[in-house]
Protein backbone atom coordinates (compact mmCIF):
# COMPACT_ATOMS: atom_id res chain seq x y z
CA MET A 1 -7.63 -1.20 -23.24
CA PRO A 2 -9.76 1.90 -22.54
CA GLY A 3 -13.33 1.29 -21.54
CA ILE A 4 -16.41 2.48 -23.39
CA LEU A 5 -17.49 5.73 -21.71
CA LYS A 6 -20.93 7.25 -22.27
CA SER A 7 -22.72 10.23 -20.76
CA ARG A 8 -26.08 9.45 -19.19
CA PHE A 9 -28.94 11.15 -17.40
CA LEU A 10 -30.68 9.07 -14.74
CA ASN A 11 -34.09 9.65 -13.23
CA GLY A 12 -33.36 10.85 -9.72
CA PRO A 13 -35.70 11.69 -6.82
CA ALA A 14 -35.04 15.43 -7.24
CA GLY A 15 -34.84 15.44 -11.04
CA ARG A 16 -32.35 14.09 -13.52
CA LEU A 17 -28.86 13.06 -12.42
CA GLU A 18 -25.85 13.56 -14.69
CA ALA A 19 -23.72 10.42 -14.95
CA LEU A 20 -20.81 8.74 -16.72
CA HIS A 21 -21.33 5.07 -17.54
CA GLU A 22 -18.29 3.00 -18.43
CA GLU A 23 -17.90 -0.62 -19.48
CA PRO A 24 -14.79 -2.78 -19.92
CA GLY A 25 -12.97 -2.46 -23.25
CA ASP A 26 -12.52 -5.04 -26.03
CA GLY A 27 -16.19 -6.00 -25.82
CA ALA A 28 -15.63 -7.94 -22.60
CA ALA A 29 -18.75 -8.74 -20.62
CA PRO A 30 -18.83 -7.04 -17.20
CA THR A 31 -18.38 -9.29 -14.19
CA ARG A 32 -19.96 -6.87 -11.67
CA ALA A 33 -21.64 -3.46 -11.55
CA ALA A 34 -20.19 -0.59 -9.52
CA VAL A 35 -21.54 2.80 -8.40
CA ILE A 36 -19.05 5.49 -7.31
CA CYS A 37 -19.95 8.52 -5.14
CA HIS A 38 -18.04 11.80 -5.21
CA PRO A 39 -16.85 14.16 -2.42
CA HIS A 40 -18.75 17.00 -0.79
CA PRO A 41 -20.90 19.05 -3.22
CA LEU A 42 -20.32 22.29 -1.31
CA TYR A 43 -16.53 22.02 -1.54
CA GLY A 44 -16.10 21.36 -5.24
CA GLY A 45 -16.78 17.63 -5.26
CA THR A 46 -17.89 16.16 -8.60
CA MET A 47 -17.84 12.83 -10.42
CA ARG A 48 -14.69 14.04 -12.22
CA ASN A 49 -12.66 14.35 -9.02
CA LYS A 50 -9.23 12.72 -9.43
CA VAL A 51 -9.74 10.21 -6.61
CA VAL A 52 -13.19 9.27 -7.92
CA PHE A 53 -11.64 8.78 -11.36
CA ARG A 54 -9.09 6.38 -9.86
CA LEU A 55 -11.82 4.49 -8.01
CA ALA A 56 -13.72 4.04 -11.26
CA LYS A 57 -10.61 3.10 -13.22
CA ALA A 58 -9.64 0.45 -10.68
CA ALA A 59 -13.15 -1.02 -10.74
CA ARG A 60 -13.21 -1.15 -14.53
CA ARG A 61 -9.83 -2.91 -14.59
CA THR A 62 -11.32 -5.70 -12.49
CA GLY A 63 -14.04 -6.18 -15.11
CA ALA A 64 -16.77 -3.99 -13.67
CA ALA A 65 -19.26 -1.79 -15.45
CA VAL A 66 -18.96 1.52 -13.59
CA LEU A 67 -21.32 4.41 -12.98
CA ARG A 68 -20.10 7.75 -11.66
CA PHE A 69 -22.76 10.38 -11.11
CA ASN A 70 -23.17 13.93 -9.84
CA PHE A 71 -25.26 14.38 -6.74
CA ARG A 72 -28.26 16.73 -6.91
CA GLY A 73 -27.26 20.32 -7.62
CA VAL A 74 -23.81 19.39 -8.97
CA GLY A 75 -22.94 19.92 -12.64
CA ALA A 76 -26.00 19.24 -14.77
CA SER A 77 -27.81 17.28 -12.03
CA GLU A 78 -31.06 18.89 -10.94
CA GLY A 79 -32.06 19.73 -7.39
CA SER A 80 -30.01 21.22 -4.56
CA TYR A 81 -27.77 20.03 -1.75
CA ASP A 82 -29.70 18.20 0.99
CA GLU A 83 -27.12 17.71 3.77
CA GLY A 84 -26.56 14.06 2.90
CA ARG A 85 -30.15 12.88 3.19
CA GLY A 86 -31.26 13.42 -0.41
CA GLU A 87 -27.81 12.40 -1.62
CA GLN A 88 -28.46 8.93 -0.20
CA ASP A 89 -31.62 8.83 -2.30
CA ASP A 90 -29.53 9.82 -5.33
CA CYS A 91 -27.19 6.93 -4.58
CA ARG A 92 -30.16 4.56 -4.37
CA ALA A 93 -31.33 5.76 -7.79
CA ALA A 94 -27.87 5.06 -9.22
CA LEU A 95 -27.81 1.60 -7.65
CA ALA A 96 -31.28 0.87 -9.04
CA TYR A 97 -30.13 1.91 -12.52
CA MET A 98 -27.14 -0.42 -12.42
CA ARG A 99 -29.18 -3.23 -10.88
CA SER A 100 -31.67 -3.01 -13.75
CA ARG A 101 -28.95 -2.79 -16.41
CA TYR A 102 -26.90 -5.68 -15.05
CA ALA A 103 -29.45 -8.00 -13.48
CA GLY A 104 -27.79 -11.01 -11.91
CA LEU A 105 -24.34 -9.45 -11.55
CA PRO A 106 -22.84 -8.59 -8.15
CA LEU A 107 -23.51 -4.95 -7.23
CA VAL A 108 -20.80 -2.97 -5.43
CA ALA A 109 -20.39 0.64 -4.36
CA GLY A 110 -17.57 2.98 -3.50
CA GLY A 111 -16.97 6.57 -2.62
CA PHE A 112 -14.45 9.17 -1.57
CA SER A 113 -14.80 11.43 1.49
CA PHE A 114 -18.44 12.63 1.61
CA GLY A 115 -19.09 10.00 -1.07
CA SER A 116 -17.65 7.33 1.20
CA ARG A 117 -20.08 8.21 3.99
CA THR A 118 -22.98 8.41 1.53
CA ALA A 119 -22.18 5.01 0.05
CA LEU A 120 -21.86 3.46 3.50
CA ARG A 121 -25.08 5.02 4.83
CA THR A 122 -26.99 3.97 1.72
CA CYS A 123 -25.65 0.46 1.33
CA CYS A 124 -25.92 -0.49 4.99
CA GLY A 125 -29.68 -0.46 4.48
CA GLU A 126 -29.75 -1.64 0.87
CA PRO A 127 -30.18 -5.36 0.10
CA GLY A 128 -27.97 -7.18 -2.34
CA ILE A 129 -24.78 -5.09 -2.08
CA GLU A 130 -21.69 -7.28 -2.35
CA ARG A 131 -19.31 -4.74 -0.79
CA VAL A 132 -18.54 -1.06 -0.24
CA VAL A 133 -15.08 0.42 -0.79
CA ALA A 134 -14.78 3.51 1.40
CA VAL A 135 -11.87 5.81 0.53
CA GLY A 136 -10.73 8.81 2.57
CA THR A 137 -13.58 8.44 5.04
CA ALA A 138 -13.93 11.72 6.97
CA VAL A 139 -14.33 10.17 10.41
CA ASN A 140 -13.20 13.35 12.19
CA TYR A 141 -16.79 14.59 11.79
CA GLY A 142 -20.24 13.20 12.45
CA ASP A 143 -21.72 10.13 14.08
CA TRP A 144 -20.48 6.76 12.79
CA SER A 145 -22.33 4.52 15.22
CA PHE A 146 -24.51 3.20 12.35
CA LEU A 147 -21.53 1.08 11.26
CA SER A 148 -21.89 -1.07 14.36
CA GLN A 149 -25.03 -2.57 12.78
CA CYS A 150 -23.96 -2.52 9.11
CA ASN A 151 -23.51 -6.12 7.96
CA CYS A 152 -22.55 -5.59 4.31
CA ALA A 153 -18.86 -6.15 3.51
CA LYS A 154 -16.79 -2.98 3.93
CA HIS A 155 -13.23 -2.21 2.82
CA PHE A 156 -11.78 1.05 4.16
CA ILE A 157 -8.81 2.59 2.34
CA GLN A 158 -7.32 5.54 4.19
CA GLY A 159 -4.33 7.85 3.85
CA THR A 160 -1.89 7.89 6.73
CA ASN A 161 -1.96 11.72 6.92
CA ASP A 162 -5.64 12.40 6.19
CA GLU A 163 -6.57 15.70 7.84
CA HIS A 164 -10.28 14.80 7.71
CA GLY A 165 -9.95 11.22 8.92
CA SER A 166 -7.06 10.73 11.31
CA ARG A 167 -5.49 7.35 11.83
CA GLU A 168 -6.54 7.34 15.48
CA ASN A 169 -10.16 8.21 14.73
CA LEU A 170 -10.51 5.76 11.85
CA GLN A 171 -9.03 2.98 13.93
CA ARG A 172 -11.57 3.73 16.66
CA VAL A 173 -14.47 3.71 14.18
CA TYR A 174 -13.15 0.56 12.52
CA GLU A 175 -12.95 -1.33 15.79
CA ARG A 176 -16.64 -0.61 16.41
CA THR A 177 -17.70 -1.51 12.86
CA LEU A 178 -19.55 -4.76 12.33
CA GLY A 179 -17.84 -7.22 9.99
CA PRO A 180 -17.09 -8.38 7.44
CA LYS A 181 -14.56 -5.57 7.17
CA GLN A 182 -11.04 -4.76 6.04
CA LEU A 183 -8.72 -1.76 6.40
CA THR A 184 -5.83 -0.75 4.14
CA TRP A 185 -3.49 2.18 4.86
CA VAL A 186 -1.84 4.13 2.03
CA GLU A 187 1.14 6.36 2.82
CA THR A 188 0.01 9.83 1.79
CA ALA A 189 0.64 13.53 2.37
CA ASP A 190 -3.02 14.55 2.66
CA HIS A 191 -6.71 13.73 2.28
CA PHE A 192 -6.54 13.81 -1.52
CA PHE A 193 -3.78 11.19 -1.93
CA SER A 194 -1.87 13.84 -3.86
CA ASN A 195 1.46 12.02 -3.71
CA ALA A 196 0.05 8.50 -3.88
CA LEU A 197 -2.67 8.17 -6.52
CA ASP A 198 -1.02 5.14 -8.11
CA GLU A 199 -0.74 3.43 -4.73
CA LEU A 200 -4.35 4.30 -4.00
CA GLU A 201 -5.51 2.85 -7.31
CA ALA A 202 -3.61 -0.39 -6.63
CA ALA A 203 -5.22 -0.68 -3.19
CA VAL A 204 -8.68 -0.02 -4.61
CA ARG A 205 -8.16 -2.53 -7.39
CA ALA A 206 -7.22 -5.18 -4.82
CA ALA A 207 -10.31 -4.27 -2.78
CA TRP A 208 -12.61 -4.59 -5.81
CA ALA A 209 -11.00 -7.87 -6.83
C-alpha cells in the first residue's frame, strides 16, 4: 500500500530545508528511520530525482520511515551551495530530525551520486548509524581515503557502466574501505540506471533489509 507522504520544512544550519517525510502505509509502525540524499545541486539534483525516489521507495517497503530533503539552495531550501561541506551539515540536521522523531529505532542513510558521498562523509563521523547505502558513487573524482577509517556498515550499489564511477575505480576504493562493507553490481547503461531502475530498487531493498 502507498505510504503516507507529507511535506516538511526542517531547521537547517543555513535556514529551512524542504523535505518529504514518508511513513509505511496501513498504519504500520516504522521499524527504522532512513534519510536519503540527492545528487549534485549544481547539475539538477533534487529530492525528486528518479533514483532518489527508488531509494526511498525501497526503504519504505522494508518498513522504514523515510526522509528525503533538498540540500541548501535547492528547491525551497534556503542557503546556497557549499561545495559539499555545508551539505554534510544539512544531512546531519536531517538525521537529527529523524533521530528525534523515531527515538530508539535504527537510523540508516542513503544517497545517490553526490548524495552518496555526502551520506558517507557525514555518517562516517556520526554515532549511531546502522548502515549507509551508497548508490552510483562517483569515485572517478575526489579523495576517498576517508573510507579507510569509516567503521559504520556500508553497502555500495553501482552500475556496471557508470561514467562517473567506473568498475575499476570503485573496486579500488572498495578494497581500501574499512568493513563492514558490501558491494552489489547492477547491469546498467549509465550513471542514472536508466535501463535498470527496477533492478536497482530490488538491490536497494535487499540492502535496506
